[in-house]
């Protein structure tokens, strides 16, 4: 589990004693700091987004062409999809 404050504490102690610290001890302390800066990952949550279909792509592009000032969040709301998915479609990720 990460503990950034602990890692920061170790790094600050290294800086305070930088002139006097021996290389072997420096390495040990740096490794200790790094060990507090990792994250353990568990299982991912299930994907809630519906798969992108050709019809969805067509409808997103249709709405964009009809209303160029319409925000991606509005297009997403109108079609019941995430605005990020709208952005992906409009950026050409599904051609």
Protein backbone atom coordinates (compact mmCIF):
# COMPACT_ATOMS: atom_id res chain seq x y z
CA UNK A 1 0.00 0.00 0.00
CA UNK A 2 1.31 3.45 -0.76
CA UNK A 3 2.21 5.84 2.00
CA UNK A 4 3.37 9.04 0.33
CA UNK A 5 3.78 11.00 3.61
CA UNK A 6 6.13 8.28 4.93
CA UNK A 7 8.10 8.28 1.67
CA UNK A 8 8.37 12.06 1.88
CA UNK A 9 9.60 11.80 5.48
CA UNK A 10 12.35 9.37 4.44
CA UNK A 11 13.38 11.55 1.49
CA UNK A 12 13.49 14.69 3.65
CA UNK A 13 15.72 12.86 6.17
CA UNK A 14 18.04 11.87 3.31
CA UNK A 15 18.25 15.49 2.17
CA UNK A 16 18.98 16.73 5.69
CA UNK A 17 21.90 14.31 5.99
CA UNK A 18 22.98 14.25 2.33
CA UNK A 19 26.58 15.30 3.04
CA UNK A 20 27.17 12.66 5.73
CA UNK A 21 25.22 9.66 4.44
CA UNK A 22 27.17 6.67 3.13
CA UNK A 23 26.25 5.33 -0.33
CA UNK A 24 25.06 1.96 1.04
CA UNK A 25 22.80 3.66 3.59
CA UNK A 26 21.58 6.09 0.93
CA UNK A 27 20.56 3.18 -1.26
CA UNK A 28 18.72 1.45 1.60
CA UNK A 29 16.83 4.64 2.45
CA UNK A 30 15.93 5.34 -1.17
CA UNK A 31 14.63 1.79 -1.59
CA UNK A 32 12.57 2.24 1.60
CA UNK A 33 11.09 5.48 0.25
CA UNK A 34 10.27 3.81 -3.07
CA UNK A 35 8.59 0.91 -1.30
CA UNK A 36 6.09 3.40 0.14
CA UNK A 37 5.32 4.77 -3.32
CA UNK A 38 3.76 1.69 -4.89
CA UNK A 39 0.13 0.83 -5.23
CA UNK A 40 -1.42 -2.59 -4.99
CA UNK A 41 -4.09 -3.24 -7.56
CA UNK A 42 -7.03 -5.50 -6.93
CA UNK A 43 -9.55 -6.84 -9.39
CA UNK A 44 -11.05 -4.30 -11.76
CA UNK A 45 -14.66 -3.29 -11.53
CA UNK A 46 -16.87 -4.57 -14.34
CA UNK A 47 -17.18 -2.35 -17.39
CA UNK A 48 -20.49 -0.47 -17.31
CA UNK A 49 -20.21 1.08 -20.75
CA UNK A 50 -22.10 -0.47 -23.60
CA UNK A 51 -19.98 -1.52 -26.57
CA UNK A 52 -19.63 0.93 -29.43
CA UNK A 53 -21.79 -0.11 -32.37
CA UNK A 54 -21.90 1.24 -35.93
CA UNK A 55 -25.35 2.67 -35.14
CA UNK A 56 -23.99 4.52 -32.10
CA UNK A 57 -21.18 6.00 -34.19
CA UNK A 58 -23.66 7.08 -36.83
CA UNK A 59 -26.00 8.71 -34.28
CA UNK A 60 -23.17 10.59 -32.53
CA UNK A 61 -21.86 11.96 -35.81
CA UNK A 62 -25.37 12.79 -36.96
CA UNK A 63 -26.04 14.84 -33.83
CA UNK A 64 -22.67 16.60 -34.15
CA UNK A 65 -23.40 17.50 -37.79
CA UNK A 66 -26.92 18.76 -37.01
CA UNK A 67 -25.82 20.77 -33.98
CA UNK A 68 -22.11 21.65 -34.14
CA UNK A 69 -22.40 23.78 -30.98
CA UNK A 70 -23.79 20.87 -28.95
CA UNK A 71 -21.43 19.77 -26.16
CA UNK A 72 -20.22 16.19 -25.99
CA UNK A 73 -21.95 15.81 -22.63
CA UNK A 74 -25.23 16.87 -24.26
CA UNK A 75 -24.76 14.40 -27.11
CA UNK A 76 -24.00 11.68 -24.58
CA UNK A 77 -27.08 12.54 -22.51
CA UNK A 78 -29.28 12.54 -25.62
CA UNK A 79 -28.03 9.09 -26.62
CA UNK A 80 -27.62 7.61 -23.16
CA UNK A 81 -23.86 7.17 -23.41
CA UNK A 82 -20.83 8.51 -21.56
CA UNK A 83 -19.43 11.83 -22.86
CA UNK A 84 -15.98 10.22 -22.92
CA UNK A 85 -17.31 7.63 -25.36
CA UNK A 86 -18.70 10.50 -27.49
CA UNK A 87 -15.24 12.08 -27.45
CA UNK A 88 -13.63 8.81 -28.55
CA UNK A 89 -16.09 8.43 -31.41
CA UNK A 90 -15.64 12.01 -32.61
CA UNK A 91 -11.84 11.66 -32.40
CA UNK A 92 -12.04 8.73 -34.82
CA UNK A 93 -11.11 5.89 -32.46
CA UNK A 94 -13.84 3.69 -33.92
CA UNK A 95 -13.37 4.09 -37.68
